[in-house]
Amino acid sequence: MLLLLHGLGGTGEVWRGVVDQLETRWPGSWIVPDLPGHGRSPALDRYSFGGVAARLADLLPAGREVAVLGHSLGGALALTLASGWFGVEVGTVCGLGIKVRWSAEDLAKARDQAARPPRLFPTRDEAALRWLKVSGLHGLWPVDSPALESAVTATGDGWRLALDQAAFGFAAPDVRGMLAAARAEVILAAGEHDPLCPAEHLRDLHPDPLILRGLGHNAHVEDPATLGPLLDQLIRP
């Protein structure tokens, strides 16, 4: 089974282009959830890597080996699951575009975002545009894309993002520690032009990261076909 995990602010819809390849490329089944507090998934009282990993583990069948491909926040959660601490047998795992270096300013901005009340917008398109910017997908999808159906929601007073603002309250991931705890074969990958996850940051942690030429932070949306060889690496003999 393949588990696909989106990044902070996104929804499972970001994997659309990758899912289109799975019918012919992946030998088993797959699951593409919305993370807690995102899209159609309910919010949590508190967000932590362990807490969300435990929720994800509940979605997976017991005793079945899983490959996990996660982007950004989803990549850190993929490595968390690979520890084996949550009763999930992870055979292979890939963290794509994980931000591994966090400054005090980065963390302060995240805390500020987490504390803000949700913004209301008068129209669905204005809310959709805001979601595209928050999720890093502005310019990759139009505001009227069907992929945004679960990203925004109507209220009695207008439209807002389906995203729970408190989800920005995740701490910085200890990627080095996560790698040390992983009991699975690990791949670290990033787009060549990813400003959040430069190749040199990954090389400090992994001797041979996979760099996707010409792509940025959302490589799986920018050019889903490029992830085909990565999917092949996740398949265990």
Protein backbone atom coordinates (compact mmCIF):
# COMPACT_ATOMS: atom_id res chain seq x y z
CA MET A 1 0.00 0.00 0.00
CA LEU A 2 1.12 3.56 -0.77
CA LEU A 3 0.28 6.44 1.57
CA LEU A 4 0.52 9.96 0.09
CA LEU A 5 0.74 12.86 2.57
CA HIS A 6 0.37 16.49 1.54
CA GLY A 7 2.09 19.51 3.06
CA LEU A 8 0.93 22.22 5.45
CA GLY A 9 -2.03 24.12 4.06
CA GLY A 10 -2.72 21.66 1.26
CA THR A 11 -5.18 18.82 0.78
CA GLY A 12 -4.92 15.35 -0.68
CA GLU A 13 -5.92 16.87 -4.02
CA VAL A 14 -2.33 18.04 -4.58
CA TRP A 15 -1.49 14.44 -5.49
CA ARG A 16 -3.96 14.32 -8.42
CA GLY A 17 -1.26 14.17 -11.09
CA VAL A 18 0.64 11.48 -9.21
CA VAL A 19 -2.48 9.41 -8.59
CA ASP A 20 -3.16 9.45 -12.33
CA GLN A 21 0.05 7.44 -12.77
CA LEU A 22 -0.59 4.87 -10.08
CA GLU A 23 -2.97 2.67 -12.07
CA THR A 24 -0.11 1.66 -14.37
CA ARG A 25 2.88 2.31 -12.08
CA TRP A 26 1.96 1.13 -8.59
CA PRO A 27 1.54 -2.60 -7.88
CA GLY A 28 -0.92 -2.26 -5.01
CA SER A 29 -3.48 0.04 -3.45
CA TRP A 30 -3.07 3.59 -2.19
CA ILE A 31 -4.63 6.05 0.20
CA VAL A 32 -4.58 9.86 -0.04
CA PRO A 33 -6.02 11.47 3.10
CA ASP A 34 -6.47 15.10 4.09
CA LEU A 35 -4.32 15.70 7.15
CA PRO A 36 -6.16 16.67 10.36
CA GLY A 37 -7.28 20.30 10.21
CA HIS A 38 -7.04 20.35 6.41
CA GLY A 39 -9.70 19.94 3.73
CA ARG A 40 -12.42 17.54 4.86
CA SER A 41 -10.58 16.27 7.96
CA PRO A 42 -11.62 17.61 11.38
CA ALA A 43 -9.37 19.87 13.40
CA LEU A 44 -7.38 18.75 16.44
CA ASP A 45 -7.03 20.44 19.81
CA ARG A 46 -3.25 20.29 19.40
CA TYR A 47 -0.95 19.52 16.49
CA SER A 48 2.22 17.47 16.91
CA PHE A 49 4.08 15.02 14.72
CA GLY A 50 3.38 12.13 17.07
CA GLY A 51 -0.28 13.01 17.51
CA VAL A 52 -0.97 13.30 13.79
CA ALA A 53 1.10 10.19 12.99
CA ALA A 54 -1.09 8.24 15.42
CA ARG A 55 -4.21 9.47 13.58
CA LEU A 56 -2.72 8.42 10.26
CA ALA A 57 -1.81 5.00 11.64
CA ASP A 58 -5.49 4.44 12.42
CA LEU A 59 -6.28 4.75 8.70
CA LEU A 60 -3.95 1.91 7.71
CA PRO A 61 -4.60 -1.84 7.81
CA ALA A 62 -2.71 -3.69 10.53
CA GLY A 63 0.06 -6.05 9.49
CA ARG A 64 0.41 -4.68 5.98
CA GLU A 65 3.61 -3.08 4.73
CA VAL A 66 3.24 0.54 3.64
CA ALA A 67 5.33 2.85 1.49
CA VAL A 68 4.93 6.51 2.38
CA LEU A 69 5.55 9.53 0.16
CA GLY A 70 5.10 12.82 1.98
CA HIS A 71 5.63 16.41 0.90
CA SER A 72 6.98 19.09 3.26
CA LEU A 73 5.03 18.65 6.53
CA GLY A 74 3.78 15.36 5.09
CA GLY A 75 7.38 14.29 4.58
CA ALA A 76 8.18 14.88 8.25
CA LEU A 77 5.07 12.88 9.18
CA ALA A 78 6.20 10.11 6.81
CA LEU A 79 9.52 9.89 8.65
CA THR A 80 7.66 9.89 11.98
CA LEU A 81 5.60 6.88 10.86
CA ALA A 82 8.79 5.15 9.70
CA SER A 83 9.98 4.99 13.32
CA GLY A 84 7.70 2.00 13.87
CA TRP A 85 6.39 3.60 17.08
CA PHE A 86 2.83 3.77 15.77
CA GLY A 87 2.32 0.15 14.80
CA VAL A 88 2.75 0.77 11.08
CA GLU A 89 5.15 -1.40 9.10
CA VAL A 90 6.82 1.10 6.79
CA GLY A 91 9.09 -0.51 4.21
CA THR A 92 10.14 2.56 2.24
CA VAL A 93 9.61 6.25 2.85
CA CYS A 94 10.30 9.45 0.92
CA GLY A 95 10.34 12.94 2.34
CA LEU A 96 9.92 15.43 -0.52
CA GLY A 97 10.74 19.08 0.11
CA ILE A 98 11.01 18.91 3.92
CA LYS A 99 12.18 22.20 5.40
CA VAL A 100 14.99 21.05 7.66
CA ARG A 101 16.42 24.38 8.88
CA TRP A 102 14.21 26.70 10.92
CA SER A 103 15.28 30.10 12.21
CA ALA A 104 13.83 31.83 15.25
CA GLU A 105 12.05 34.16 12.81
CA ASP A 106 10.52 31.20 10.95
CA LEU A 107 9.18 29.75 14.18
CA ALA A 108 7.82 33.11 15.34
CA LYS A 109 5.95 33.56 12.06
CA ALA A 110 4.45 30.07 12.38
CA ARG A 111 3.28 30.80 15.94
CA ASP A 112 1.75 34.07 14.79
CA GLN A 113 -0.12 32.33 11.97
CA ALA A 114 -1.39 29.65 14.34
CA ALA A 115 -2.83 32.27 16.68
CA ARG A 116 -4.70 34.27 14.04
CA PRO A 117 -8.47 33.88 13.65
CA PRO A 118 -9.64 32.58 10.27
CA ARG A 119 -10.16 35.25 7.63
CA LEU A 120 -13.54 35.65 5.98
CA PHE A 121 -13.88 36.51 2.30
CA PRO A 122 -16.97 37.80 0.49
CA THR A 123 -16.61 35.39 -2.44
CA ARG A 124 -15.50 31.83 -3.04
CA ASP A 125 -12.86 32.94 -5.56
CA GLU A 126 -11.23 35.32 -3.09
CA ALA A 127 -11.02 32.55 -0.51
CA ALA A 128 -9.67 30.16 -3.15
CA LEU A 129 -6.99 32.66 -4.16
CA ARG A 130 -5.92 32.99 -0.55
CA TRP A 131 -5.73 29.20 -0.18
CA LEU A 132 -3.58 28.93 -3.29
CA LYS A 133 -1.14 31.44 -1.80
CA VAL A 134 -1.10 29.79 1.65
CA SER A 135 -0.50 26.33 0.16
CA GLY A 136 2.19 27.55 -2.25
CA LEU A 137 0.12 26.65 -5.31
CA HIS A 138 -0.56 30.14 -6.64
CA GLY A 139 0.12 30.08 -10.37
CA LEU A 140 -0.13 26.29 -10.56
CA TRP A 141 -3.92 25.97 -10.33
CA PRO A 142 -6.68 28.43 -11.27
CA VAL A 143 -9.15 29.54 -8.60
CA ASP A 144 -11.96 27.65 -10.35
CA SER A 145 -10.11 24.31 -10.38
CA PRO A 146 -12.24 21.42 -9.09
CA ALA A 147 -9.22 20.46 -6.97
CA LEU A 148 -10.08 23.38 -4.68
CA GLU A 149 -13.53 22.06 -3.77
CA SER A 150 -12.41 20.87 -0.32
CA ALA A 151 -9.97 23.74 0.28
CA VAL A 152 -12.55 26.44 1.02
CA THR A 153 -15.90 26.38 2.76
CA ALA A 154 -18.96 28.63 2.91
CA THR A 155 -20.12 30.16 6.19
CA GLY A 156 -23.11 32.30 7.04
CA ASP A 157 -20.92 35.38 6.66
CA GLY A 158 -18.92 34.50 3.56
CA TRP A 159 -16.14 32.07 2.65
CA ARG A 160 -13.08 30.89 4.54
CA LEU A 161 -10.28 28.39 4.16
CA ALA A 162 -11.08 24.88 5.35
CA LEU A 163 -7.60 24.91 6.90
CA ASP A 164 -7.45 25.18 10.70
CA GLN A 165 -5.10 28.09 11.45
CA ALA A 166 -3.85 26.28 14.55
CA ALA A 167 -2.20 23.70 12.27
CA PHE A 168 0.60 26.23 11.77
CA GLY A 169 1.55 25.46 15.36
CA PHE A 170 3.62 22.36 14.52
CA ALA A 171 7.11 22.60 16.00
CA ALA A 172 10.14 22.46 13.71
CA PRO A 173 10.79 18.83 12.79
CA ASP A 174 13.93 17.17 14.14
CA VAL A 175 14.71 15.59 10.79
CA ARG A 176 18.10 14.30 11.90
CA GLY A 177 16.48 12.54 14.84
CA MET A 178 13.68 11.22 12.63
CA LEU A 179 16.22 9.74 10.24
CA ALA A 180 18.08 8.09 13.12
CA ALA A 181 14.83 6.54 14.39
CA ALA A 182 13.57 5.37 10.98
CA ARG A 183 13.33 1.61 10.49
CA ALA A 184 12.63 1.90 6.79
CA GLU A 185 14.59 2.59 3.64
CA VAL A 186 14.64 6.41 3.39
CA ILE A 187 14.75 8.69 0.36
CA LEU A 188 15.07 12.45 0.74
CA ALA A 189 14.13 14.48 -2.32
CA ALA A 190 13.54 18.08 -3.35
CA GLY A 191 13.04 20.22 -6.40
CA GLU A 192 16.25 21.78 -7.70
CA HIS A 193 14.86 25.27 -7.11
CA ASP A 194 13.03 24.63 -3.84
CA PRO A 195 13.76 27.68 -1.64
CA LEU A 196 12.52 25.90 1.49
CA CYS A 197 14.60 22.77 1.00
CA PRO A 198 17.89 23.49 -0.79
CA ALA A 199 19.88 20.47 -1.88
CA GLU A 200 22.82 21.39 0.37
CA HIS A 201 20.56 21.21 3.42
CA LEU A 202 19.56 17.68 2.51
CA ARG A 203 23.16 16.63 1.87
CA ASP A 204 23.96 17.53 5.46
CA LEU A 205 21.54 14.77 6.48
CA HIS A 206 21.66 12.22 3.67
CA PRO A 207 24.58 11.28 1.41
CA ASP A 208 22.59 11.04 -1.82
CA PRO A 209 19.32 13.00 -1.93
CA LEU A 210 17.22 12.90 -5.09
CA ILE A 211 17.16 16.33 -6.74
CA LEU A 212 14.36 16.91 -9.25
CA ARG A 213 15.81 19.12 -11.98
CA GLY A 214 14.06 22.34 -12.90
CA LEU A 215 11.38 22.07 -10.22
CA GLY A 216 10.50 23.99 -7.06
CA HIS A 217 8.84 23.27 -3.74
CA ASN A 218 5.67 21.69 -5.16
CA ALA A 219 7.39 19.39 -7.64
CA HIS A 220 4.55 16.84 -7.46
CA VAL A 221 2.13 19.48 -8.75
CA GLU A 222 4.48 21.30 -11.12
CA ASP A 223 5.40 18.14 -13.06
CA PRO A 224 3.85 14.97 -11.61
CA ALA A 225 5.45 12.75 -14.27
CA THR A 226 8.87 13.59 -12.84
CA LEU A 227 7.96 11.61 -9.73
CA GLY A 228 7.58 8.39 -11.73
CA PRO A 229 11.14 7.17 -11.05
CA LEU A 230 10.74 8.11 -7.39
CA LEU A 231 7.62 5.95 -7.18
CA ASP A 232 9.62 3.11 -8.69
CA GLN A 233 12.18 3.47 -5.88
CA LEU A 234 9.43 3.16 -3.28
CA ILE A 235 8.34 -0.24 -4.60
CA ARG A 236 9.90 -3.03 -2.56
CA PRO A 237 10.87 -6.26 -4.38
